[in-house]
């Protein structure tokens, strides 16, 4: 969480590929929209300054405990670079895959897939293929899935487990042995005579 104006707000880092340009623009628009919805967003174009080491920056963001969620915006370029360990995405992929595989309960890394392959499956790096993600590939479902992403960031799920009630009182009653004896008399005899 990030402290802003005395309030704790969720803090996310957006990891994405700069190619193609329209996906880079999607990342920027997502960062702007999340910011307008009360999320503190860390993204390289706002936070990485000239002279800073981009690999060190990415490693710090991915492993930083103050970052609540890491949004991995996946397209075919991101998938290729992560799988081949190329450039910044490859560096992040190396770090993220260790984090994903190294933890049994994983909620920090959220794959957001921007496109699907010819097979209809999301374009995700190998280390994310088993991780449940959010679909931003279809404009028709974008608002619904943006709401899902926002709920995930704020930990406000649409479907909540209902509260667990008390054990039924009848289970505390002592069993009636007379009823059991009467039931034995009602069982037909197996006499073979």
C-alpha atoms as a PDB file:
ATOM      1  CA  UNK A   1       0.000   0.000   0.000  1.00  0.00           C
ATOM      2  CA  UNK A   2       1.064   3.541  -0.715  1.00  0.00           C
ATOM      3  CA  UNK A   3       0.277   6.401   1.654  1.00  0.00           C
ATOM      4  CA  UNK A   4      -1.256   9.321  -0.300  1.00  0.00           C
ATOM      5  CA  UNK A   5      -2.891  12.259   1.471  1.00  0.00           C
ATOM      6  CA  UNK A   6      -3.016  10.177   4.645  1.00  0.00           C
ATOM      7  CA  UNK A   7      -4.836   7.266   2.963  1.00  0.00           C
ATOM      8  CA  UNK A   8      -3.535   3.789   2.190  1.00  0.00           C
ATOM      9  CA  UNK A   9      -4.130   3.051  -1.479  1.00  0.00           C
ATOM     10  CA  UNK A  10      -3.187  -0.029  -3.509  1.00  0.00           C
ATOM     11  CA  UNK A  11       0.083   0.148  -5.416  1.00  0.00           C
ATOM     12  CA  UNK A  12       0.619  -1.696  -8.693  1.00  0.00           C
ATOM     13  CA  UNK A  13       3.455  -2.032 -11.169  1.00  0.00           C
ATOM     14  CA  UNK A  14       2.618  -2.466 -14.848  1.00  0.00           C
ATOM     15  CA  UNK A  15       4.968  -4.643 -16.889  1.00  0.00           C
ATOM     16  CA  UNK A  16       4.447  -4.553 -20.655  1.00  0.00           C
ATOM     17  CA  UNK A  17       6.152  -4.685 -24.022  1.00  0.00           C
ATOM     18  CA  UNK A  18       6.738  -1.460 -25.938  1.00  0.00           C
ATOM     19  CA  UNK A  19       5.824  -3.280 -29.165  1.00  0.00           C
ATOM     20  CA  UNK A  20       3.554  -2.863 -30.949  1.00  0.00           C
ATOM     21  CA  UNK A  21       3.012   0.835 -30.281  1.00  0.00           C
ATOM     22  CA  UNK A  22      -0.772   0.482 -29.826  1.00  0.00           C
ATOM     23  CA  UNK A  23      -0.217  -1.999 -26.963  1.00  0.00           C
ATOM     24  CA  UNK A  24       2.197   0.475 -25.358  1.00  0.00           C
ATOM     25  CA  UNK A  25      -0.580   3.063 -25.622  1.00  0.00           C
ATOM     26  CA  UNK A  26      -3.027   0.566 -24.037  1.00  0.00           C
ATOM     27  CA  UNK A  27      -0.624   0.219 -21.106  1.00  0.00           C
ATOM     28  CA  UNK A  28      -0.468   3.991 -20.674  1.00  0.00           C
ATOM     29  CA  UNK A  29      -4.272   4.364 -20.877  1.00  0.00           C
ATOM     30  CA  UNK A  30      -4.695   1.555 -18.339  1.00  0.00           C
ATOM     31  CA  UNK A  31      -2.217   3.266 -15.997  1.00  0.00           C
ATOM     32  CA  UNK A  32      -4.113   6.552 -16.352  1.00  0.00           C
ATOM     33  CA  UNK A  33      -7.478   4.926 -15.736  1.00  0.00           C
ATOM     34  CA  UNK A  34      -6.282   2.983 -12.701  1.00  0.00           C
ATOM     35  CA  UNK A  35      -4.811   6.196 -11.321  1.00  0.00           C
ATOM     36  CA  UNK A  36      -8.138   7.963 -11.773  1.00  0.00           C
ATOM     37  CA  UNK A  37      -9.756   5.045  -9.887  1.00  0.00           C
ATOM     38  CA  UNK A  38      -7.526   5.567  -6.843  1.00  0.00           C
ATOM     39  CA  UNK A  39      -4.650   3.172  -7.585  1.00  0.00           C
ATOM     40  CA  UNK A  40      -1.017   4.257  -7.262  1.00  0.00           C
ATOM     41  CA  UNK A  41       0.535   3.040 -10.514  1.00  0.00           C
ATOM     42  CA  UNK A  42       4.234   2.546 -11.130  1.00  0.00           C
ATOM     43  CA  UNK A  43       5.052   2.348 -14.836  1.00  0.00           C
ATOM     44  CA  UNK A  44       8.420   2.897 -16.480  1.00  0.00           C
ATOM     45  CA  UNK A  45       7.379   5.911 -18.561  1.00  0.00           C
ATOM     46  CA  UNK A  46       6.472   7.782 -15.343  1.00  0.00           C
ATOM     47  CA  UNK A  47       9.006   6.377 -12.907  1.00  0.00           C
ATOM     48  CA  UNK A  48      12.184   5.373 -14.780  1.00  0.00           C
ATOM     49  CA  UNK A  49      14.464   8.364 -15.245  1.00  0.00           C
ATOM     50  CA  UNK A  50      17.335   8.922 -17.639  1.00  0.00           C
ATOM     51  CA  UNK A  51      20.539   7.534 -16.191  1.00  0.00           C
ATOM     52  CA  UNK A  52      18.770   4.813 -14.191  1.00  0.00           C
ATOM     53  CA  UNK A  53      19.442   1.133 -14.881  1.00  0.00           C
ATOM     54  CA  UNK A  54      16.209  -0.242 -16.385  1.00  0.00           C
ATOM     55  CA  UNK A  55      16.958  -3.829 -15.324  1.00  0.00           C
ATOM     56  CA  UNK A  56      17.579  -2.780 -11.725  1.00  0.00           C
ATOM     57  CA  UNK A  57      14.364  -0.716 -11.824  1.00  0.00           C
ATOM     58  CA  UNK A  58      12.298  -3.669 -13.070  1.00  0.00           C
ATOM     59  CA  UNK A  59      13.836  -6.086 -10.576  1.00  0.00           C
ATOM     60  CA  UNK A  60      13.135  -3.652  -7.749  1.00  0.00           C
ATOM     61  CA  UNK A  61       9.513  -3.186  -8.812  1.00  0.00           C
ATOM     62  CA  UNK A  62       8.800  -6.899  -9.216  1.00  0.00           C
ATOM     63  CA  UNK A  63      10.313  -7.848  -5.849  1.00  0.00           C
ATOM     64  CA  UNK A  64       9.352  -4.706  -3.890  1.00  0.00           C
ATOM     65  CA  UNK A  65       7.077  -5.690  -0.966  1.00  0.00           C
ATOM     66  CA  UNK A  66       5.279  -2.313  -1.167  1.00  0.00           C
ATOM     67  CA  UNK A  67       3.954  -3.281  -4.622  1.00  0.00           C
ATOM     68  CA  UNK A  68       0.626  -5.018  -4.012  1.00  0.00           C
ATOM     69  CA  UNK A  69       0.095  -6.290  -7.558  1.00  0.00           C
ATOM     70  CA  UNK A  70       2.214  -6.659 -10.683  1.00  0.00           C
ATOM     71  CA  UNK A  71       0.109  -6.459 -13.829  1.00  0.00           C
ATOM     72  CA  UNK A  72       1.760  -8.379 -16.661  1.00  0.00           C
ATOM     73  CA  UNK A  73       0.269  -7.042 -19.910  1.00  0.00           C
ATOM     74  CA  UNK A  74       0.831  -9.929 -22.283  1.00  0.00           C
ATOM     75  CA  UNK A  75       0.802  -9.881 -26.075  1.00  0.00           C
ATOM     76  CA  UNK A  76       2.714 -11.996 -28.591  1.00  0.00           C
ATOM     77  CA  UNK A  77       5.774  -9.735 -28.320  1.00  0.00           C
ATOM     78  CA  UNK A  78       5.760 -10.005 -24.503  1.00  0.00           C
ATOM     79  CA  UNK A  79       5.342 -13.774 -24.776  1.00  0.00           C
ATOM     80  CA  UNK A  80       8.255 -14.114 -27.229  1.00  0.00           C
ATOM     81  CA  UNK A  81      10.602 -11.849 -25.276  1.00  0.00           C
ATOM     82  CA  UNK A  82       9.775 -13.461 -21.929  1.00  0.00           C
ATOM     83  CA  UNK A  83      10.159 -17.006 -23.270  1.00  0.00           C
ATOM     84  CA  UNK A  84      13.464 -16.129 -24.993  1.00  0.00           C
ATOM     85  CA  UNK A  85      14.670 -14.021 -22.049  1.00  0.00           C
ATOM     86  CA  UNK A  86      15.207 -11.003 -24.352  1.00  0.00           C
ATOM     87  CA  UNK A  87      15.460  -7.368 -23.320  1.00  0.00           C
ATOM     88  CA  UNK A  88      13.603  -5.893 -20.348  1.00  0.00           C
ATOM     89  CA  UNK A  89      10.648  -8.253 -20.610  1.00  0.00           C
ATOM     90  CA  UNK A  90      13.058 -11.185 -20.535  1.00  0.00           C
ATOM     91  CA  UNK A  91      14.731  -9.828 -17.407  1.00  0.00           C
ATOM     92  CA  UNK A  92      11.363  -9.338 -15.728  1.00  0.00           C
ATOM     93  CA  UNK A  93      10.285 -12.794 -16.861  1.00  0.00           C
ATOM     94  CA  UNK A  94      13.287 -14.379 -15.183  1.00  0.00           C
ATOM     95  CA  UNK A  95      12.471 -12.624 -11.918  1.00  0.00           C
ATOM     96  CA  UNK A  96       8.718 -13.136 -12.112  1.00  0.00           C
ATOM     97  CA  UNK A  97       8.951 -16.834 -13.009  1.00  0.00           C
ATOM     98  CA  UNK A  98      11.060 -17.448  -9.889  1.00  0.00           C
ATOM     99  CA  UNK A  99       8.473 -15.554  -7.808  1.00  0.00           C
ATOM    100  CA  UNK A 100       5.514 -17.382  -9.395  1.00  0.00           C
ATOM    101  CA  UNK A 101       7.047 -20.844  -9.083  1.00  0.00           C
ATOM    102  CA  UNK A 102       8.560 -20.175  -5.657  1.00  0.00           C
ATOM    103  CA  UNK A 103       5.327 -19.387  -3.859  1.00  0.00           C
ATOM    104  CA  UNK A 104       2.414 -21.713  -3.267  1.00  0.00           C
ATOM    105  CA  UNK A 105      -0.100 -18.913  -2.615  1.00  0.00           C
ATOM    106  CA  UNK A 106       0.323 -16.427  -5.405  1.00  0.00           C
ATOM    107  CA  UNK A 107      -1.852 -13.346  -5.809  1.00  0.00           C
ATOM    108  CA  UNK A 108       0.708 -10.644  -6.599  1.00  0.00           C
ATOM    109  CA  UNK A 109       1.204 -11.351 -10.317  1.00  0.00           C
ATOM    110  CA  UNK A 110      -1.840 -10.847 -12.526  1.00  0.00           C
ATOM    111  CA  UNK A 111      -1.576 -11.748 -16.221  1.00  0.00           C
ATOM    112  CA  UNK A 112      -3.644  -9.338 -18.333  1.00  0.00           C
ATOM    113  CA  UNK A 113      -3.713 -10.705 -21.847  1.00  0.00           C
ATOM    114  CA  UNK A 114      -4.119  -8.208 -24.649  1.00  0.00           C
ATOM    115  CA  UNK A 115      -4.436 -10.754 -27.445  1.00  0.00           C
ATOM    116  CA  UNK A 116      -5.092 -14.386 -28.207  1.00  0.00           C
ATOM    117  CA  UNK A 117      -3.328 -16.678 -30.640  1.00  0.00           C
ATOM    118  CA  UNK A 118      -4.865 -18.398 -33.649  1.00  0.00           C
ATOM    119  CA  UNK A 119      -5.836 -21.245 -31.327  1.00  0.00           C
ATOM    120  CA  UNK A 120      -7.975 -18.838 -29.268  1.00  0.00           C
ATOM    121  CA  UNK A 121      -5.720 -19.169 -26.234  1.00  0.00           C
ATOM    122  CA  UNK A 122      -4.137 -16.147 -24.514  1.00  0.00           C
ATOM    123  CA  UNK A 123      -0.615 -15.200 -25.606  1.00  0.00           C
ATOM    124  CA  UNK A 124       1.205 -15.825 -22.348  1.00  0.00           C
ATOM    125  CA  UNK A 125       4.801 -16.730 -21.499  1.00  0.00           C
ATOM    126  CA  UNK A 126       5.324 -20.344 -20.469  1.00  0.00           C
ATOM    127  CA  UNK A 127       5.677 -19.432 -16.787  1.00  0.00           C
ATOM    128  CA  UNK A 128       2.195 -17.818 -16.811  1.00  0.00           C
ATOM    129  CA  UNK A 129       0.263 -20.428 -18.809  1.00  0.00           C
ATOM    130  CA  UNK A 130      -1.090 -22.013 -15.617  1.00  0.00           C
ATOM    131  CA  UNK A 131      -1.924 -18.693 -13.896  1.00  0.00           C
ATOM    132  CA  UNK A 132      -5.493 -17.401 -13.957  1.00  0.00           C
ATOM    133  CA  UNK A 133      -5.581 -14.047 -15.749  1.00  0.00           C
ATOM    134  CA  UNK A 134      -7.855 -11.284 -16.988  1.00  0.00           C
ATOM    135  CA  UNK A 135      -8.873 -10.937 -20.632  1.00  0.00           C
ATOM    136  CA  UNK A 136      -8.407  -7.511 -22.229  1.00  0.00           C
ATOM    137  CA  UNK A 137      -8.311  -8.913 -25.775  1.00  0.00           C
ATOM    138  CA  UNK A 138     -11.977  -8.331 -26.583  1.00  0.00           C
ATOM    139  CA  UNK A 139     -13.339  -4.776 -26.597  1.00  0.00           C
ATOM    140  CA  UNK A 140     -16.878  -6.084 -25.984  1.00  0.00           C
ATOM    141  CA  UNK A 141     -15.883  -7.441 -22.555  1.00  0.00           C
ATOM    142  CA  UNK A 142     -13.378  -4.727 -21.659  1.00  0.00           C
ATOM    143  CA  UNK A 143     -15.538  -2.860 -19.116  1.00  0.00           C
ATOM    144  CA  UNK A 144     -16.591  -6.043 -17.341  1.00  0.00           C
ATOM    145  CA  UNK A 145     -12.988  -7.273 -17.192  1.00  0.00           C
ATOM    146  CA  UNK A 146     -11.653  -3.865 -16.136  1.00  0.00           C
ATOM    147  CA  UNK A 147     -14.103  -4.048 -13.217  1.00  0.00           C
ATOM    148  CA  UNK A 148     -12.754  -7.525 -12.414  1.00  0.00           C
ATOM    149  CA  UNK A 149      -9.190  -6.163 -12.461  1.00  0.00           C
ATOM    150  CA  UNK A 150     -10.132  -3.253 -10.206  1.00  0.00           C
ATOM    151  CA  UNK A 151     -11.911  -5.594  -7.789  1.00  0.00           C
ATOM    152  CA  UNK A 152      -8.804  -7.833  -7.776  1.00  0.00           C
ATOM    153  CA  UNK A 153      -6.539  -4.881  -6.996  1.00  0.00           C
ATOM    154  CA  UNK A 154      -8.797  -3.660  -4.180  1.00  0.00           C
ATOM    155  CA  UNK A 155      -9.536  -7.219  -2.954  1.00  0.00           C
ATOM    156  CA  UNK A 156     -13.271  -6.623  -3.386  1.00  0.00           C
ATOM    157  CA  UNK A 157     -14.499  -9.747  -5.210  1.00  0.00           C
ATOM    158  CA  UNK A 158     -17.911  -9.732  -6.846  1.00  0.00           C
ATOM    159  CA  UNK A 159     -18.685 -13.151  -5.387  1.00  0.00           C
ATOM    160  CA  UNK A 160     -17.959 -13.566  -1.693  1.00  0.00           C
ATOM    161  CA  UNK A 161     -18.108 -16.660   0.416  1.00  0.00           C
ATOM    162  CA  UNK A 162     -21.162 -16.418   2.680  1.00  0.00           C
ATOM    163  CA  UNK A 163     -20.547 -16.366   6.433  1.00  0.00           C
ATOM    164  CA  UNK A 164     -20.377 -19.774   8.068  1.00  0.00           C
ATOM    165  CA  UNK A 165     -23.334 -20.429  10.324  1.00  0.00           C
ATOM    166  CA  UNK A 166     -23.566 -22.410  13.529  1.00  0.00           C
ATOM    167  CA  UNK A 167     -23.911 -26.142  13.710  1.00  0.00           C
ATOM    168  CA  UNK A 168     -27.607 -27.141  13.797  1.00  0.00           C
ATOM    169  CA  UNK A 169     -28.780 -27.537  17.405  1.00  0.00           C
ATOM    170  CA  UNK A 170     -30.392 -30.899  16.644  1.00  0.00           C
ATOM    171  CA  UNK A 171     -26.909 -32.383  16.242  1.00  0.00           C
ATOM    172  CA  UNK A 172     -26.256 -31.700  19.931  1.00  0.00           C
ATOM    173  CA  UNK A 173     -29.332 -33.700  21.013  1.00  0.00           C
ATOM    174  CA  UNK A 174     -28.635 -37.035  22.683  1.00  0.00           C
ATOM    175  CA  UNK A 175     -29.619 -39.978  20.514  1.00  0.00           C
ATOM    176  CA  UNK A 176     -32.777 -41.849  21.550  1.00  0.00           C
ATOM    177  CA  UNK A 177     -31.968 -45.503  22.151  1.00  0.00           C
ATOM    178  CA  UNK A 178     -35.642 -46.439  22.339  1.00  0.00           C
ATOM    179  CA  UNK A 179     -36.162 -45.305  18.784  1.00  0.00           C
ATOM    180  CA  UNK A 180     -33.235 -47.452  17.743  1.00  0.00           C
ATOM    181  CA  UNK A 181     -34.628 -50.503  19.554  1.00  0.00           C
ATOM    182  CA  UNK A 182     -37.987 -49.998  17.887  1.00  0.00           C
ATOM    183  CA  UNK A 183     -36.277 -49.815  14.535  1.00  0.00           C
ATOM    184  CA  UNK A 184     -34.597 -53.194  15.133  1.00  0.00           C
ATOM    185  CA  UNK A 185     -38.026 -54.806  15.710  1.00  0.00           C
ATOM    186  CA  UNK A 186     -39.203 -53.361  12.400  1.00  0.00           C
ATOM    187  CA  UNK A 187     -36.412 -55.056  10.430  1.00  0.00           C
ATOM    188  CA  UNK A 188     -37.773 -58.185   8.716  1.00  0.00           C
ATOM    189  CA  UNK A 189     -36.348 -61.474   9.836  1.00  0.00           C
ATOM    190  CA  UNK A 190     -33.993 -63.322   7.555  1.00  0.00           C
ATOM    191  CA  UNK A 191     -35.222 -66.702   8.765  1.00  0.00           C
ATOM    192  CA  UNK A 192     -34.804 -69.239   5.974  1.00  0.00           C
ATOM    193  CA  UNK A 193     -37.056 -71.941   7.429  1.00  0.00           C
END
